[in-house]
Amino acid sequence: MEELIAKRYIKALLSDSDIAFAQDVTLVFETLAKFFENKNFLNIVCSSDVSRDEKASLLLEAVKSANSQRVNNFIKLLVENKRIAIIPAIAEELRKNLADMTKTYSGVVLSNTNIKAKTIKDLSKGLGKKYNSKIVLAFEKTDFNGIKVEVDDLGIEINFSKDRINSQIIEHIIKAI
């Protein structure tokens, strides 16, 4: 639900703006969203004992470095409409929106064996070429028996399971006999 509300606010915020503004705003809101991981900060902005003006001034102080009247007005609007709690969702949606605007996506390669950096780079290039975008992949060692490539923003999940390949080979041999 928060994502839908966040998308509507983002649409209004980014209307008639360029990529540079979108990058700046995304950076500001990603930084602001990190404050929400702090329990004390969360208690202050969600408390009914703290006035709207105090909440607004706290948030405005946090985004002062953006030096943007548009961002300041956006923060005031969020406070006025009691939508402060969706700031982390706004940050995530801004990140996705910026990725779509720049066609730059990040993903992860999961495996229980080490994969060479060149192989990951080749996977990035191949996927980027196929999807006409720039894809940056990072490696994560997990207990997955095979290789899995995930790029969530594009909905890509490629999976090569050693167990599945072995069972298919056995099936094929049995059929051949």
N, C-alpha and C. Protein backbone atom coordinates (compact mmCIF):
# COMPACT_ATOMS: atom_id res chain seq x y z
N MET A 1 0.82 -1.19 0.00
CA MET A 1 0.00 0.00 0.00
C MET A 1 0.87 1.26 0.00
N GLU A 2 1.93 1.21 0.84
CA GLU A 2 2.82 2.37 0.91
C GLU A 2 3.45 2.67 -0.44
N GLU A 3 3.77 1.61 -1.20
CA GLU A 3 4.42 1.80 -2.50
C GLU A 3 3.51 2.57 -3.45
N LEU A 4 2.23 2.26 -3.43
CA LEU A 4 1.28 2.95 -4.31
C LEU A 4 1.17 4.43 -3.95
N ILE A 5 1.11 4.70 -2.66
CA ILE A 5 1.04 6.09 -2.21
C ILE A 5 2.34 6.81 -2.57
N ALA A 6 3.47 6.13 -2.33
CA ALA A 6 4.78 6.72 -2.64
C ALA A 6 4.89 7.05 -4.12
N LYS A 7 4.40 6.16 -4.98
CA LYS A 7 4.46 6.40 -6.43
C LYS A 7 3.70 7.66 -6.82
N ARG A 8 2.55 7.90 -6.19
CA ARG A 8 1.76 9.09 -6.51
C ARG A 8 2.50 10.36 -6.10
N TYR A 9 3.12 10.32 -4.93
CA TYR A 9 3.89 11.48 -4.47
C TYR A 9 5.10 11.71 -5.36
N ILE A 10 5.77 10.64 -5.75
CA ILE A 10 6.96 10.75 -6.61
C ILE A 10 6.60 11.32 -7.97
N LYS A 11 5.47 10.87 -8.49
CA LYS A 11 5.02 11.38 -9.80
C LYS A 11 4.88 12.90 -9.75
N ALA A 12 4.31 13.40 -8.67
CA ALA A 12 4.15 14.85 -8.52
C ALA A 12 5.49 15.54 -8.31
N LEU A 13 6.36 14.93 -7.52
CA LEU A 13 7.66 15.53 -7.22
C LEU A 13 8.55 15.62 -8.46
N LEU A 14 8.53 14.57 -9.27
CA LEU A 14 9.45 14.52 -10.41
C LEU A 14 8.86 15.04 -11.71
N SER A 15 7.61 15.52 -11.69
CA SER A 15 7.04 16.05 -12.92
C SER A 15 7.85 17.26 -13.37
N ASP A 16 8.09 17.34 -14.65
CA ASP A 16 8.86 18.43 -15.25
C ASP A 16 10.27 18.55 -14.65
N SER A 17 10.90 17.44 -14.37
CA SER A 17 12.27 17.49 -13.84
C SER A 17 13.20 16.66 -14.72
N ASP A 18 14.49 16.93 -14.59
CA ASP A 18 15.48 16.21 -15.38
C ASP A 18 16.13 15.11 -14.53
N ILE A 19 17.03 14.37 -15.15
CA ILE A 19 17.69 13.25 -14.47
C ILE A 19 18.55 13.75 -13.31
N ALA A 20 19.21 14.90 -13.48
CA ALA A 20 20.07 15.43 -12.42
C ALA A 20 19.26 15.71 -11.15
N PHE A 21 18.08 16.30 -11.31
CA PHE A 21 17.22 16.56 -10.15
C PHE A 21 16.78 15.25 -9.52
N ALA A 22 16.41 14.28 -10.36
CA ALA A 22 15.98 12.97 -9.85
C ALA A 22 17.11 12.30 -9.06
N GLN A 23 18.34 12.42 -9.55
CA GLN A 23 19.49 11.84 -8.84
C GLN A 23 19.68 12.52 -7.49
N ASP A 24 19.60 13.84 -7.47
CA ASP A 24 19.77 14.59 -6.22
C ASP A 24 18.69 14.22 -5.21
N VAL A 25 17.46 14.19 -5.66
CA VAL A 25 16.34 13.89 -4.76
C VAL A 25 16.45 12.45 -4.25
N THR A 26 16.84 11.54 -5.12
CA THR A 26 17.00 10.15 -4.70
C THR A 26 18.06 10.03 -3.62
N LEU A 27 19.17 10.70 -3.80
CA LEU A 27 20.23 10.68 -2.79
C LEU A 27 19.75 11.25 -1.46
N VAL A 28 19.03 12.35 -1.52
CA VAL A 28 18.50 12.98 -0.30
C VAL A 28 17.55 12.04 0.43
N PHE A 29 16.63 11.41 -0.30
CA PHE A 29 15.64 10.55 0.36
C PHE A 29 16.23 9.22 0.80
N GLU A 30 17.25 8.72 0.09
CA GLU A 30 17.92 7.51 0.56
C GLU A 30 18.62 7.79 1.89
N THR A 31 19.23 8.96 2.00
CA THR A 31 19.88 9.35 3.25
C THR A 31 18.85 9.54 4.35
N LEU A 32 17.76 10.19 4.01
CA LEU A 32 16.69 10.41 4.98
C LEU A 32 16.08 9.09 5.44
N ALA A 33 15.95 8.14 4.53
CA ALA A 33 15.38 6.83 4.88
C ALA A 33 16.27 6.09 5.88
N LYS A 34 17.57 6.32 5.82
CA LYS A 34 18.48 5.68 6.78
C LYS A 34 18.22 6.15 8.21
N PHE A 35 17.75 7.39 8.36
CA PHE A 35 17.39 7.89 9.69
C PHE A 35 16.27 7.05 10.30
N PHE A 36 15.40 6.51 9.46
CA PHE A 36 14.26 5.74 9.95
C PHE A 36 14.69 4.39 10.53
N GLU A 37 15.93 4.00 10.33
CA GLU A 37 16.45 2.78 10.94
C GLU A 37 16.81 3.02 12.40
N ASN A 38 16.93 4.29 12.78
CA ASN A 38 17.24 4.66 14.16
C ASN A 38 15.94 4.70 14.97
N LYS A 39 15.89 3.90 16.01
CA LYS A 39 14.66 3.79 16.81
C LYS A 39 14.25 5.12 17.44
N ASN A 40 15.23 5.88 17.93
CA ASN A 40 14.92 7.17 18.57
C ASN A 40 14.32 8.15 17.57
N PHE A 41 14.89 8.20 16.37
CA PHE A 41 14.36 9.09 15.33
C PHE A 41 12.93 8.69 14.99
N LEU A 42 12.73 7.39 14.85
CA LEU A 42 11.40 6.88 14.50
C LEU A 42 10.38 7.23 15.59
N ASN A 43 10.79 7.12 16.84
CA ASN A 43 9.89 7.48 17.95
C ASN A 43 9.50 8.96 17.90
N ILE A 44 10.45 9.81 17.53
CA ILE A 44 10.18 11.25 17.47
C ILE A 44 9.20 11.58 16.34
N VAL A 45 9.48 11.09 15.13
CA VAL A 45 8.65 11.47 13.99
C VAL A 45 7.28 10.79 13.99
N CYS A 46 7.15 9.69 14.73
CA CYS A 46 5.86 9.01 14.78
C CYS A 46 5.07 9.33 16.05
N SER A 47 5.66 10.12 16.93
CA SER A 47 5.02 10.45 18.20
C SER A 47 3.92 11.49 18.01
N SER A 48 2.82 11.28 18.71
CA SER A 48 1.74 12.27 18.67
C SER A 48 2.03 13.43 19.63
N ASP A 49 3.02 13.25 20.51
CA ASP A 49 3.40 14.31 21.45
C ASP A 49 4.23 15.41 20.78
N VAL A 50 4.83 15.08 19.65
CA VAL A 50 5.66 16.05 18.92
C VAL A 50 4.77 16.73 17.88
N SER A 51 4.80 18.05 17.86
CA SER A 51 3.93 18.79 16.94
C SER A 51 4.39 18.62 15.49
N ARG A 52 3.47 18.90 14.58
CA ARG A 52 3.79 18.83 13.15
C ARG A 52 4.91 19.79 12.79
N ASP A 53 4.88 20.98 13.38
CA ASP A 53 5.92 21.98 13.09
C ASP A 53 7.29 21.48 13.51
N GLU A 54 7.35 20.83 14.68
CA GLU A 54 8.63 20.30 15.15
C GLU A 54 9.13 19.16 14.25
N LYS A 55 8.20 18.32 13.82
CA LYS A 55 8.57 17.24 12.90
C LYS A 55 9.06 17.81 11.58
N ALA A 56 8.33 18.81 11.09
CA ALA A 56 8.72 19.44 9.83
C ALA A 56 10.09 20.08 9.93
N SER A 57 10.35 20.79 11.02
CA SER A 57 11.65 21.45 11.15
C SER A 57 12.77 20.42 11.28
N LEU A 58 12.52 19.31 11.95
CA LEU A 58 13.51 18.24 12.06
C LEU A 58 13.84 17.65 10.69
N LEU A 59 12.81 17.36 9.92
CA LEU A 59 13.01 16.79 8.58
C LEU A 59 13.63 17.81 7.62
N LEU A 60 13.20 19.05 7.73
CA LEU A 60 13.76 20.10 6.87
C LEU A 60 15.24 20.32 7.16
N GLU A 61 15.60 20.20 8.42
CA GLU A 61 17.02 20.33 8.79
C GLU A 61 17.82 19.18 8.17
N ALA A 62 17.22 18.00 8.12
CA ALA A 62 17.90 16.83 7.56
C ALA A 62 18.11 16.96 6.05
N VAL A 63 17.20 17.66 5.35
CA VAL A 63 17.32 17.79 3.89
C VAL A 63 17.84 19.16 3.47
N LYS A 64 18.32 19.93 4.43
CA LYS A 64 18.80 21.28 4.14
C LYS A 64 19.92 21.27 3.10
N SER A 65 20.75 20.24 3.10
CA SER A 65 21.88 20.17 2.17
C SER A 65 21.42 20.10 0.71
N ALA A 66 20.19 19.66 0.48
CA ALA A 66 19.67 19.59 -0.90
C ALA A 66 19.50 20.98 -1.49
N ASN A 67 19.28 21.97 -0.62
CA ASN A 67 19.13 23.36 -1.06
C ASN A 67 18.08 23.49 -2.17
N SER A 68 16.93 22.86 -1.94
CA SER A 68 15.87 22.85 -2.94
C SER A 68 14.53 23.20 -2.30
N GLN A 69 13.93 24.24 -2.80
CA GLN A 69 12.62 24.65 -2.30
C GLN A 69 11.57 23.58 -2.62
N ARG A 70 11.75 22.93 -3.74
CA ARG A 70 10.82 21.87 -4.15
C ARG A 70 10.84 20.72 -3.14
N VAL A 71 12.04 20.31 -2.70
CA VAL A 71 12.16 19.24 -1.71
C VAL A 71 11.59 19.71 -0.37
N ASN A 72 11.88 20.94 0.01
CA ASN A 72 11.34 21.48 1.26
C ASN A 72 9.81 21.48 1.26
N ASN A 73 9.22 21.92 0.16
CA ASN A 73 7.75 21.92 0.05
C ASN A 73 7.20 20.49 0.09
N PHE A 74 7.92 19.57 -0.52
CA PHE A 74 7.51 18.17 -0.53
C PHE A 74 7.51 17.61 0.90
N ILE A 75 8.55 17.92 1.66
CA ILE A 75 8.63 17.47 3.06
C ILE A 75 7.47 18.07 3.86
N LYS A 76 7.20 19.35 3.66
CA LYS A 76 6.09 20.01 4.37
C LYS A 76 4.76 19.34 4.02
N LEU A 77 4.59 18.98 2.76
CA LEU A 77 3.37 18.30 2.32
C LEU A 77 3.23 16.93 2.99
N LEU A 78 4.33 16.19 3.07
CA LEU A 78 4.30 14.89 3.74
C LEU A 78 3.92 15.03 5.21
N VAL A 79 4.47 16.02 5.87
CA VAL A 79 4.16 16.25 7.29
C VAL A 79 2.70 16.66 7.44
N GLU A 80 2.24 17.56 6.59
CA GLU A 80 0.86 18.05 6.66
C GLU A 80 -0.14 16.92 6.46
N ASN A 81 0.17 16.00 5.54
CA ASN A 81 -0.74 14.89 5.24
C ASN A 81 -0.48 13.64 6.08
N LYS A 82 0.38 13.79 7.09
CA LYS A 82 0.72 12.68 8.00
C LYS A 82 1.25 11.47 7.24
N ARG A 83 2.16 11.73 6.31
CA ARG A 83 2.76 10.68 5.49
C ARG A 83 4.26 10.52 5.74
N ILE A 84 4.72 10.93 6.90
CA ILE A 84 6.15 10.85 7.21
C ILE A 84 6.62 9.39 7.17
N ALA A 85 5.80 8.49 7.61
CA ALA A 85 6.19 7.08 7.71
C ALA A 85 6.49 6.44 6.36
N ILE A 86 6.03 7.05 5.27
CA ILE A 86 6.29 6.44 3.96
C ILE A 86 7.58 6.93 3.32
N ILE A 87 8.36 7.73 4.03
CA ILE A 87 9.62 8.24 3.46
C ILE A 87 10.55 7.10 3.02
N PRO A 88 10.71 6.01 3.78
CA PRO A 88 11.54 4.91 3.27
C PRO A 88 10.99 4.30 1.97
N ALA A 89 9.67 4.20 1.86
CA ALA A 89 9.06 3.68 0.63
C ALA A 89 9.28 4.66 -0.52
N ILE A 90 9.22 5.95 -0.23
CA ILE A 90 9.49 6.97 -1.25
C ILE A 90 10.93 6.85 -1.73
N ALA A 91 11.86 6.63 -0.81
CA ALA A 91 13.28 6.49 -1.18
C ALA A 91 13.47 5.28 -2.10
N GLU A 92 12.83 4.18 -1.78
CA GLU A 92 12.96 2.96 -2.60
C GLU A 92 12.34 3.17 -3.98
N GLU A 93 11.17 3.79 -4.03
CA GLU A 93 10.53 4.04 -5.32
C GLU A 93 11.32 5.05 -6.15
N LEU A 94 11.93 6.03 -5.50
CA LEU A 94 12.79 6.98 -6.22
C LEU A 94 13.99 6.25 -6.82
N ARG A 95 14.56 5.32 -6.06
CA ARG A 95 15.70 4.54 -6.56
C ARG A 95 15.30 3.73 -7.79
N LYS A 96 14.14 3.09 -7.73
CA LYS A 96 13.65 2.31 -8.87
C LYS A 96 13.36 3.22 -10.07
N ASN A 97 12.75 4.36 -9.80
CA ASN A 97 12.43 5.32 -10.85
C ASN A 97 13.69 5.82 -11.53
N LEU A 98 14.72 6.14 -10.74
CA LEU A 98 15.99 6.60 -11.28
C LEU A 98 16.66 5.51 -12.10
N ALA A 99 16.57 4.27 -11.64
CA ALA A 99 17.14 3.14 -12.39
C ALA A 99 16.45 3.02 -13.75
N ASP A 100 15.14 3.21 -13.78
CA ASP A 100 14.41 3.16 -15.05
C ASP A 100 14.79 4.32 -15.96
N MET A 101 14.97 5.50 -15.37
CA MET A 101 15.32 6.68 -16.18
C MET A 101 16.71 6.54 -16.80
N THR A 102 17.66 6.01 -16.04
CA THR A 102 19.04 5.89 -16.52
C THR A 102 19.33 4.53 -17.12
N LYS A 103 18.38 3.62 -17.02
CA LYS A 103 18.55 2.24 -17.49
C LYS A 103 19.80 1.60 -16.89
N THR A 104 19.98 1.84 -15.60
CA THR A 104 21.09 1.26 -14.86
C THR A 104 20.52 0.47 -13.69
N TYR A 105 20.79 -0.82 -13.67
CA TYR A 105 20.21 -1.69 -12.66
C TYR A 105 21.32 -2.46 -11.94
N SER A 106 21.02 -2.86 -10.73
CA SER A 106 21.98 -3.67 -9.99
C SER A 106 21.34 -5.00 -9.64
N GLY A 107 22.17 -6.02 -9.60
CA GLY A 107 21.70 -7.35 -9.31
C GLY A 107 22.72 -8.11 -8.50
N VAL A 108 22.44 -9.37 -8.29
CA VAL A 108 23.32 -10.19 -7.46
C VAL A 108 23.47 -11.57 -8.09
N VAL A 109 24.67 -12.13 -7.96
CA VAL A 109 24.95 -13.49 -8.38
C VAL A 109 25.14 -14.30 -7.11
N LEU A 110 24.34 -15.34 -6.94
CA LEU A 110 24.39 -16.17 -5.74
C LEU A 110 24.94 -17.55 -6.08
N SER A 111 25.87 -18.04 -5.28
CA SER A 111 26.43 -19.37 -5.50
C SER A 111 27.18 -19.82 -4.26
N ASN A 112 27.35 -21.15 -4.16
CA ASN A 112 28.14 -21.68 -3.04
C ASN A 112 29.61 -21.84 -3.41
N THR A 113 29.95 -21.59 -4.67
CA THR A 113 31.34 -21.63 -5.11
C THR A 113 31.75 -20.24 -5.57
N ASN A 114 33.03 -19.96 -5.48
CA ASN A 114 33.53 -18.66 -5.91
C ASN A 114 33.44 -18.52 -7.42
N ILE A 115 33.08 -17.36 -7.87
CA ILE A 115 32.97 -17.07 -9.31
C ILE A 115 33.94 -15.96 -9.63
N LYS A 116 34.67 -16.13 -10.71
CA LYS A 116 35.68 -15.14 -11.11
C LYS A 116 35.02 -13.81 -11.46
N ALA A 117 35.75 -12.73 -11.19
CA ALA A 117 35.25 -11.38 -11.47
C ALA A 117 34.98 -11.21 -12.96
N LYS A 118 35.81 -11.81 -13.81
CA LYS A 118 35.62 -11.71 -15.26
C LYS A 118 34.30 -12.36 -15.67
N THR A 119 33.97 -13.48 -15.06
CA THR A 119 32.71 -14.17 -15.37
C THR A 119 31.52 -13.30 -14.99
N ILE A 120 31.60 -12.67 -13.84
CA ILE A 120 30.51 -11.79 -13.39
C ILE A 120 30.40 -10.59 -14.33
N LYS A 121 31.54 -10.06 -14.75
CA LYS A 121 31.55 -8.93 -15.68
C LYS A 121 30.93 -9.34 -17.02
N ASP A 122 31.27 -10.54 -17.50
CA ASP A 122 30.69 -11.04 -18.75
C ASP A 122 29.17 -11.24 -18.62
N LEU A 123 28.74 -11.76 -17.47
CA LEU A 123 27.30 -11.91 -17.23
C LEU A 123 26.60 -10.55 -17.26
N SER A 124 27.23 -9.55 -16.64
CA SER A 124 26.68 -8.19 -16.63
C SER A 124 26.54 -7.65 -18.04
N LYS A 125 27.59 -7.82 -18.83
CA LYS A 125 27.56 -7.33 -20.22
C LYS A 125 26.49 -8.04 -21.03
N GLY A 126 26.42 -9.35 -20.90
CA GLY A 126 25.44 -10.13 -21.66
C GLY A 126 24.01 -9.76 -21.31
N LEU A 127 23.72 -9.66 -20.03
CA LEU A 127 22.37 -9.27 -19.61
C LEU A 127 22.06 -7.84 -20.02
N GLY A 128 23.06 -6.96 -19.89
CA GLY A 128 22.87 -5.56 -20.28
C GLY A 128 22.56 -5.43 -21.76
N LYS A 129 23.25 -6.22 -22.57
CA LYS A 129 23.02 -6.19 -24.01
C LYS A 129 21.61 -6.70 -24.34
N LYS A 130 21.22 -7.79 -23.67
CA LYS A 130 19.91 -8.38 -23.93
C LYS A 130 18.77 -7.44 -23.52
N TYR A 131 18.94 -6.73 -22.42
CA TYR A 131 17.88 -5.86 -21.91
C TYR A 131 18.11 -4.39 -22.22
N ASN A 132 19.09 -4.10 -23.07
CA ASN A 132 19.39 -2.74 -23.52
C ASN A 132 19.54 -1.77 -22.34
N SER A 133 20.36 -2.18 -21.39
CA SER A 133 20.60 -1.36 -20.21
C SER A 133 21.95 -1.73 -19.60
N LYS A 134 22.34 -0.99 -18.59
CA LYS A 134 23.58 -1.29 -17.88
C LYS A 134 23.21 -2.04 -16.61
N ILE A 135 23.77 -3.22 -16.46
CA ILE A 135 23.48 -4.04 -15.29
C ILE A 135 24.79 -4.30 -14.54
N VAL A 136 24.79 -3.96 -13.28
CA VAL A 136 25.95 -4.18 -12.42
C VAL A 136 25.62 -5.32 -11.47
N LEU A 137 26.42 -6.37 -11.53
CA LEU A 137 26.19 -7.54 -10.69
C LEU A 137 27.23 -7.62 -9.58
N ALA A 138 26.78 -8.02 -8.42
CA ALA A 138 27.67 -8.25 -7.28
C ALA A 138 27.57 -9.73 -6.89
N PHE A 139 28.65 -10.29 -6.40
CA PHE A 139 28.67 -11.70 -6.01
C PHE A 139 28.39 -11.85 -4.52
N GLU A 140 27.53 -12.83 -4.20
CA GLU A 140 27.26 -13.19 -2.80
C GLU A 140 27.39 -14.69 -2.66
N LYS A 141 28.23 -15.10 -1.73
CA LYS A 141 28.39 -16.53 -1.49
C LYS A 141 27.28 -17.00 -0.55
N THR A 142 26.53 -18.00 -1.00
CA THR A 142 25.42 -18.55 -0.21
C THR A 142 25.52 -20.06 -0.22
N ASP A 143 24.52 -20.72 0.32
CA ASP A 143 24.50 -22.18 0.33
C ASP A 143 23.75 -22.75 -0.87
N PHE A 144 23.41 -21.93 -1.85
CA PHE A 144 22.70 -22.38 -3.05
C PHE A 144 23.62 -23.26 -3.88
N ASN A 145 23.21 -24.47 -4.19
CA ASN A 145 24.02 -25.43 -4.94
C ASN A 145 23.84 -25.21 -6.43
N GLY A 146 24.54 -24.24 -6.96
CA GLY A 146 24.45 -23.87 -8.37
C GLY A 146 24.74 -22.39 -8.50
N ILE A 147 24.14 -21.79 -9.52
CA ILE A 147 24.32 -20.35 -9.74
C ILE A 147 22.95 -19.72 -9.95
N LYS A 148 22.72 -18.61 -9.28
CA LYS A 148 21.47 -17.87 -9.44
C LYS A 148 21.81 -16.41 -9.68
N VAL A 149 21.20 -15.82 -10.71
CA VAL A 149 21.39 -14.41 -11.02
C VAL A 149 20.05 -13.72 -10.84
N GLU A 150 20.03 -12.65 -10.03
CA GLU A 150 18.79 -11.91 -9.78
C GLU A 150 19.00 -10.43 -10.03
N VAL A 151 18.09 -9.85 -10.82
CA VAL A 151 18.03 -8.40 -11.01
C VAL A 151 16.57 -8.04 -10.73
N ASP A 152 16.29 -7.68 -9.49
CA ASP A 152 14.91 -7.49 -9.03
C ASP A 152 14.16 -6.42 -9.79
N ASP A 153 14.81 -5.29 -10.07
CA ASP A 153 14.11 -4.18 -10.72
C ASP A 153 13.63 -4.53 -12.13
N LEU A 154 14.30 -5.48 -12.78
CA LEU A 154 13.87 -5.92 -14.11
C LEU A 154 13.06 -7.22 -14.05
N GLY A 155 12.96 -7.80 -12.88
CA GLY A 155 12.23 -9.06 -12.74
C GLY A 155 12.97 -10.24 -13.33
N ILE A 156 14.30 -10.18 -13.34
CA ILE A 156 15.12 -11.25 -13.91
C ILE A 156 15.56 -12.18 -12.80
N GLU A 157 15.36 -13.48 -13.02
CA GLU A 157 15.92 -14.50 -12.14
C GLU A 157 16.32 -15.68 -13.01
N ILE A 158 17.62 -15.92 -13.08
CA ILE A 158 18.17 -17.03 -13.85
C ILE A 158 18.77 -18.01 -12.86
N ASN A 159 18.45 -19.29 -13.02
CA ASN A 159 18.81 -20.28 -12.02
C ASN A 159 19.40 -21.52 -12.68
N PHE A 160 20.61 -21.88 -12.30
CA PHE A 160 21.23 -23.12 -12.75
C PHE A 160 21.55 -23.95 -11.51
N SER A 161 20.71 -24.92 -11.22
CA SER A 161 20.89 -25.76 -10.04
C SER A 161 21.62 -27.04 -10.43
N LYS A 162 22.69 -27.36 -9.72
CA LYS A 162 23.45 -28.59 -10.00
C LYS A 162 22.57 -29.81 -9.78
N ASP A 163 21.76 -29.80 -8.74
CA ASP A 163 20.88 -30.93 -8.44
C ASP A 163 19.88 -31.17 -9.58
N ARG A 164 19.33 -30.09 -10.10
CA ARG A 164 18.35 -30.21 -11.19
C ARG A 164 19.01 -30.73 -12.47
N ILE A 165 20.21 -30.23 -12.76
CA ILE A 165 20.93 -30.69 -13.96
C ILE A 165 21.27 -32.16 -13.83
N ASN A 166 21.72 -32.59 -12.65
CA ASN A 166 22.03 -34.01 -12.43
C ASN A 166 20.80 -34.88 -12.62
N SER A 167 19.67 -34.47 -12.09
CA SER A 167 18.44 -35.26 -12.23
C SER A 167 17.99 -35.31 -13.69
N GLN A 168 18.17 -34.23 -14.44
CA GLN A 168 17.81 -34.23 -15.86
C GLN A 168 18.72 -35.15 -16.67
N ILE A 169 20.00 -35.19 -16.32
CA ILE A 169 20.94 -36.09 -17.01
C ILE A 169 20.54 -37.54 -16.75
N ILE A 170 20.22 -37.85 -15.50
CA ILE A 170 19.80 -39.21 -15.15
C ILE A 170 18.53 -39.59 -15.90
N GLU A 171 17.56 -38.69 -15.95
CA GLU A 171 16.32 -38.93 -16.70
C GLU A 171 16.61 -39.21 -18.17
N HIS A 172 17.48 -38.41 -18.75
CA HIS A 172 17.82 -38.55 -20.16
C HIS A 172 18.50 -39.90 -20.42
N ILE A 173 19.38 -40.32 -19.53
CA ILE A 173 20.06 -41.61 -19.68
C ILE A 173 19.06 -42.74 -19.56
N ILE A 174 18.14 -42.64 -18.61
CA ILE A 174 17.13 -43.69 -18.43
C ILE A 174 16.24 -43.79 -19.66
N LYS A 175 15.86 -42.67 -20.25
CA LYS A 175 15.03 -42.68 -21.46
C LYS A 175 15.80 -43.29 -22.63
N ALA A 176 17.09 -43.04 -22.68
CA ALA A 176 17.91 -43.56 -23.78
C ALA A 176 18.06 -45.08 -23.69
N ILE A 177 17.99 -45.62 -22.49
CA ILE A 177 18.14 -47.07 -22.30
C ILE A 177 16.85 -47.71 -22.66
